[in-house]
Amino acid sequence: MTHVALTIAGSEATGGAGAQTDLKTFHQLDTFGCAALTCIVSMDPKDNWNHRFVPVEPQVIADQIEACTGVHDIDTVKIGMLGSPATIDTVAAALAEHSFANVVLDPVLICKGQEFGHALDTDNALKEKILPRATFVTPNHFEALALSGMDAIESVEDLTEAARRIHEAYDVVVLAKGGVVLEGPDAVDVFYDGEQTVELRSPKTGEDRIHGAGCTLAAAVTAELAKGATPLEAARTAKAVVDSSIQHRQSSHLPFDAVYQRGYQG
């Protein structure tokens, strides 16, 4: 029987990120995917492609998770965009109820400064209610800064320190992404599980960020864990999937390209 993974994430209508990308990644890695949508995101072509965000009602999110876990035997879940404290409460309750063996969190933080209100409340709720239930987390450069409490991450050594701090704070396996932010010819991610530190390197494909790369990485980790891979094995495969997806990226009318998973063959 094919292994099953659940993504709890937002819908990104253009297909470049969110649950759409998660399901494509699961499929490319021979994992059957199901999805519980937390919000509907559509980019506005009349407003510089800014995001239009519509949350899904908490009960509808709970119903989706109930359906997925009732139909399939699921021990591995990926969590992406949640977007509101109410959604976070719903997902946290589901995680407590089902005790999934693997909870992969792409820690989407929406507070880019110290602004108060919805954004800060959402990020604080994520840290308090979802992160403690995660087993594997994949922060990008900004998220690694926020979760580690560091003032700057300017080198691989800094990224390694951030991964260690996040692990110590939340007792979670960390795959911290350097991406194109760190200087140098390679895109470097750092894996840390409390015992081993491993740098995962690949040559950069340009210096621009690619839409959906973070979703793809976390989804690939999820698919591999669902199939029984170790965390480090899952991280190595995920890195290769992202590299391939960037190399085969999809262009559009957007000012940035999107990942496309079709080229990865394993």
Protein backbone atom coordinates (compact mmCIF):
# COMPACT_ATOMS: atom_id res chain seq x y z
CA MET A 1 0.00 0.00 0.00
CA THR A 2 1.22 3.49 -0.83
CA HIS A 3 2.19 5.58 2.19
CA VAL A 4 -0.07 8.54 3.00
CA ALA A 5 0.83 12.06 4.16
CA LEU A 6 -1.46 14.90 5.18
CA THR A 7 -0.79 18.57 4.52
CA ILE A 8 -2.56 21.18 6.63
CA ALA A 9 -1.91 24.34 4.66
CA GLY A 10 -3.34 27.18 2.64
CA SER A 11 -4.51 27.04 -0.94
CA GLU A 12 -2.35 29.16 -3.26
CA ALA A 13 -4.42 29.51 -6.40
CA THR A 14 -1.60 29.91 -8.94
CA GLY A 15 -0.16 26.49 -8.07
CA GLY A 16 3.26 27.75 -7.08
CA ALA A 17 3.07 27.21 -3.33
CA GLY A 18 0.83 26.04 -0.52
CA ALA A 19 -1.20 22.84 -0.54
CA GLN A 20 -1.03 22.64 -4.33
CA THR A 21 2.75 22.40 -4.23
CA ASP A 22 2.66 20.03 -1.26
CA LEU A 23 0.47 17.55 -3.15
CA LYS A 24 2.65 17.76 -6.26
CA THR A 25 5.70 17.03 -4.14
CA PHE A 26 4.05 14.11 -2.35
CA HIS A 27 3.07 12.65 -5.72
CA GLN A 28 6.57 13.03 -7.16
CA LEU A 29 7.91 11.07 -4.18
CA ASP A 30 5.37 8.24 -4.47
CA THR A 31 3.41 9.29 -1.42
CA PHE A 32 -0.40 9.56 -1.48
CA GLY A 33 -1.34 13.07 -0.40
CA CYS A 34 -4.43 14.47 1.24
CA ALA A 35 -5.04 18.07 2.31
CA ALA A 36 -6.91 20.13 4.87
CA LEU A 37 -7.07 23.73 3.68
CA THR A 38 -6.62 26.45 6.29
CA CYS A 39 -7.03 29.53 4.11
CA ILE A 40 -7.48 30.67 0.53
CA VAL A 41 -4.69 32.84 -0.86
CA SER A 42 -4.84 34.56 -4.22
CA MET A 43 -2.38 37.11 -5.54
CA ASP A 44 -3.91 40.34 -6.80
CA PRO A 45 -2.68 41.36 -10.30
CA LYS A 46 -4.24 44.81 -9.76
CA ASP A 47 -2.23 45.45 -6.59
CA ASN A 48 1.37 44.49 -7.35
CA TRP A 49 0.58 40.80 -6.74
CA ASN A 50 -0.07 41.32 -3.04
CA HIS A 51 -1.78 38.46 -1.28
CA ARG A 52 -5.52 38.31 -0.71
CA PHE A 53 -6.08 36.12 2.35
CA VAL A 54 -9.36 34.46 3.32
CA PRO A 55 -9.33 32.14 6.37
CA VAL A 56 -11.29 28.91 6.35
CA GLU A 57 -13.75 28.53 9.23
CA PRO A 58 -12.21 26.56 12.13
CA GLN A 59 -14.95 23.92 12.10
CA VAL A 60 -14.39 23.35 8.38
CA ILE A 61 -10.67 22.84 9.03
CA ALA A 62 -11.47 20.37 11.81
CA ASP A 63 -13.91 18.54 9.52
CA GLN A 64 -11.28 18.17 6.82
CA ILE A 65 -8.73 16.75 9.24
CA GLU A 66 -11.37 14.40 10.63
CA ALA A 67 -12.16 13.16 7.12
CA CYS A 68 -8.52 12.61 6.17
CA THR A 69 -7.65 10.75 9.35
CA GLY A 70 -10.86 8.72 9.18
CA VAL A 71 -10.26 7.58 5.61
CA HIS A 72 -6.48 6.99 5.83
CA ASP A 73 -4.01 5.66 8.37
CA ILE A 74 -1.81 8.75 8.74
CA ASP A 75 1.23 9.11 10.96
CA THR A 76 2.95 11.99 9.15
CA VAL A 77 1.63 15.51 8.66
CA LYS A 78 3.03 18.70 7.20
CA ILE A 79 1.86 22.06 8.52
CA GLY A 80 2.16 25.15 6.37
CA MET A 81 0.33 28.46 6.35
CA LEU A 82 -2.14 28.79 9.23
CA GLY A 83 -2.64 32.53 9.36
CA SER A 84 -4.79 33.19 12.43
CA PRO A 85 -4.93 32.33 16.14
CA ALA A 86 -8.31 30.61 15.64
CA THR A 87 -6.85 28.34 12.98
CA ILE A 88 -3.84 27.60 15.16
CA ASP A 89 -6.11 26.58 18.05
CA THR A 90 -7.97 24.19 15.74
CA VAL A 91 -4.82 22.61 14.36
CA ALA A 92 -3.22 22.34 17.81
CA ALA A 93 -6.30 20.47 19.05
CA ALA A 94 -6.05 18.07 16.10
CA LEU A 95 -2.37 17.43 16.80
CA ALA A 96 -3.16 16.69 20.43
CA GLU A 97 -5.96 14.31 19.45
CA HIS A 98 -4.10 12.27 16.86
CA SER A 99 -0.52 12.12 18.19
CA PHE A 100 1.09 11.90 14.75
CA ALA A 101 4.55 10.33 14.80
CA ASN A 102 5.96 12.98 12.45
CA VAL A 103 4.85 16.61 12.46
CA VAL A 104 6.81 18.67 9.93
CA LEU A 105 6.33 22.39 10.43
CA ASP A 106 7.14 25.01 7.82
CA PRO A 107 6.97 27.85 10.38
CA VAL A 108 5.31 30.56 8.28
CA LEU A 109 5.71 33.76 10.29
CA ILE A 110 3.73 36.78 9.14
CA CYS A 111 5.01 39.44 11.54
CA LYS A 112 7.97 41.03 9.77
CA GLY A 113 8.75 43.55 12.48
CA GLN A 114 7.38 44.30 15.90
CA GLU A 115 3.91 45.34 14.79
CA PHE A 116 1.12 44.51 17.21
CA GLY A 117 -2.27 43.04 16.45
CA HIS A 118 -3.19 40.08 14.28
CA ALA A 119 0.25 39.31 12.84
CA LEU A 120 2.07 39.27 16.18
CA ASP A 121 -0.76 37.36 17.88
CA THR A 122 -0.64 34.73 15.14
CA ASP A 123 3.12 34.29 15.33
CA ASN A 124 3.06 34.04 19.12
CA ALA A 125 0.29 31.44 18.95
CA LEU A 126 2.30 29.42 16.44
CA LYS A 127 5.34 29.43 18.73
CA GLU A 128 3.29 28.54 21.82
CA LYS A 129 0.87 25.95 20.45
CA ILE A 130 2.26 24.39 17.26
CA LEU A 131 6.05 24.42 17.60
CA PRO A 132 6.02 22.37 20.85
CA ARG A 133 4.12 19.62 18.98
CA ALA A 134 6.41 19.63 15.93
CA THR A 135 9.07 16.97 15.41
CA PHE A 136 10.82 18.58 12.43
CA VAL A 137 10.96 22.27 11.50
CA THR A 138 12.22 23.97 8.32
CA PRO A 139 12.77 27.70 9.00
CA ASN A 140 14.02 30.06 6.31
CA HIS A 141 16.51 32.83 7.04
CA PHE A 142 13.95 35.23 8.52
CA GLU A 143 12.19 32.52 10.51
CA ALA A 144 15.50 31.19 11.84
CA LEU A 145 16.28 34.67 13.12
CA ALA A 146 12.90 34.98 14.80
CA LEU A 147 12.90 31.52 16.39
CA SER A 148 16.54 31.56 17.52
CA GLY A 149 16.51 35.09 18.91
CA MET A 150 19.72 35.94 17.08
CA ASP A 151 20.40 39.45 15.83
CA ALA A 152 21.90 38.38 12.52
CA ILE A 153 22.60 35.30 10.41
CA GLU A 154 25.33 36.18 7.95
CA SER A 155 27.30 32.95 7.58
CA VAL A 156 26.91 29.19 7.64
CA GLU A 157 28.33 29.26 11.16
CA ASP A 158 25.56 31.66 12.19
CA LEU A 159 22.95 29.44 10.55
CA THR A 160 24.34 26.45 12.44
CA GLU A 161 24.10 28.34 15.72
CA ALA A 162 20.50 29.29 14.91
CA ALA A 163 19.62 25.64 14.22
CA ARG A 164 21.15 24.61 17.53
CA ARG A 165 19.26 27.29 19.44
CA ILE A 166 15.96 26.32 17.85
CA HIS A 167 16.55 22.67 18.67
CA GLU A 168 17.38 23.49 22.27
CA ALA A 169 14.33 25.75 22.64
CA TYR A 170 11.77 23.43 21.07
CA ASP A 171 13.34 19.92 21.13
CA VAL A 172 12.82 19.54 17.40
CA VAL A 173 14.90 18.40 14.42
CA VAL A 174 15.90 21.51 12.45
CA LEU A 175 16.65 22.02 8.78
CA ALA A 176 17.57 25.71 8.61
CA LYS A 177 17.60 27.17 5.11
CA GLY A 178 20.30 29.56 3.96
CA GLY A 179 18.97 29.66 0.41
CA VAL A 180 20.19 32.57 -1.68
CA VAL A 181 20.46 34.91 1.32
CA LEU A 182 23.91 33.82 2.47
CA GLU A 183 26.82 34.91 0.28
CA GLY A 184 28.75 32.37 -1.74
CA PRO A 185 28.25 30.09 -4.73
CA ASP A 186 26.30 27.43 -2.82
CA ALA A 187 22.81 27.30 -1.36
CA VAL A 188 23.50 25.91 2.11
CA ASP A 189 20.99 24.37 4.51
CA VAL A 190 21.97 23.15 7.97
CA PHE A 191 20.52 19.97 9.51
CA TYR A 192 20.73 19.61 13.28
CA ASP A 193 19.07 16.95 15.43
CA GLY A 194 20.83 17.43 18.73
CA GLU A 195 23.60 14.96 17.90
CA GLN A 196 24.82 15.70 14.40
CA THR A 197 25.28 18.85 12.37
CA VAL A 198 25.26 18.35 8.62
CA GLU A 199 25.67 21.02 5.95
CA LEU A 200 23.64 20.30 2.82
CA ARG A 201 25.11 22.18 -0.14
CA SER A 202 24.25 22.62 -3.79
CA PRO A 203 25.26 25.24 -6.36
CA LYS A 204 22.92 28.21 -6.47
CA THR A 205 20.70 28.48 -9.53
CA GLY A 206 20.70 32.27 -9.74
CA GLU A 207 20.38 34.70 -6.85
CA ASP A 208 16.59 35.15 -6.86
CA ARG A 209 14.16 33.46 -4.53
CA ILE A 210 11.82 30.97 -6.17
CA HIS A 211 8.16 30.79 -5.22
CA GLY A 212 7.28 27.58 -3.39
CA ALA A 213 10.80 26.36 -2.60
CA GLY A 214 10.13 26.33 1.14
CA CYS A 215 6.84 24.47 0.71
CA THR A 216 8.55 21.93 -1.51
CA LEU A 217 11.34 21.32 0.99
CA ALA A 218 8.99 20.70 3.92
CA ALA A 219 6.65 18.59 1.79
CA ALA A 220 9.53 16.44 0.55
CA VAL A 221 10.71 15.88 4.12
CA THR A 222 7.14 14.89 5.00
CA ALA A 223 6.79 12.43 2.13
CA GLU A 224 10.09 10.74 2.95
CA LEU A 225 9.32 10.47 6.66
CA ALA A 226 5.96 8.92 5.78
CA LYS A 227 7.87 6.28 3.81
CA GLY A 228 10.11 5.48 6.79
CA ALA A 229 13.23 7.53 6.05
CA THR A 230 15.35 8.86 8.89
CA PRO A 231 15.23 12.63 9.42
CA LEU A 232 18.67 13.10 7.83
CA GLU A 233 17.77 10.89 4.86
CA ALA A 234 14.55 12.89 4.44
CA ALA A 235 16.50 16.16 4.57
CA ARG A 236 18.98 15.01 1.93
CA THR A 237 16.21 13.92 -0.43
CA ALA A 238 14.29 17.14 0.18
CA LYS A 239 17.34 19.20 -0.73
CA ALA A 240 17.67 17.28 -4.01
CA VAL A 241 13.97 17.71 -4.78
CA VAL A 242 14.16 21.46 -4.24
CA ASP A 243 17.26 21.77 -6.40
CA SER A 244 15.54 19.91 -9.23
CA SER A 245 12.32 21.90 -8.79
CA ILE A 246 14.24 25.17 -9.07
CA GLN A 247 16.12 23.99 -12.13
CA HIS A 248 12.80 23.07 -13.78
CA ARG A 249 11.05 26.19 -12.52
CA GLN A 250 7.91 27.58 -14.13
CA SER A 251 7.82 31.15 -15.44
CA SER A 252 4.65 33.23 -15.65
CA HIS A 253 3.40 36.82 -15.59
CA LEU A 254 4.54 37.06 -11.97
CA PRO A 255 7.78 38.92 -11.24
CA PHE A 256 9.24 35.66 -9.92
CA ASP A 257 9.39 32.04 -11.03
CA ALA A 258 7.79 29.07 -9.25
CA VAL A 259 9.12 25.62 -8.48
CA TYR A 260 8.07 22.70 -10.64
CA GLN A 261 8.63 19.21 -9.25
CA ARG A 262 8.29 17.25 -12.49
CA GLY A 263 12.03 16.83 -13.11
CA TYR A 264 12.93 14.95 -9.93
CA GLN A 265 13.49 11.25 -10.56
CA GLY A 266 15.14 10.14 -7.32
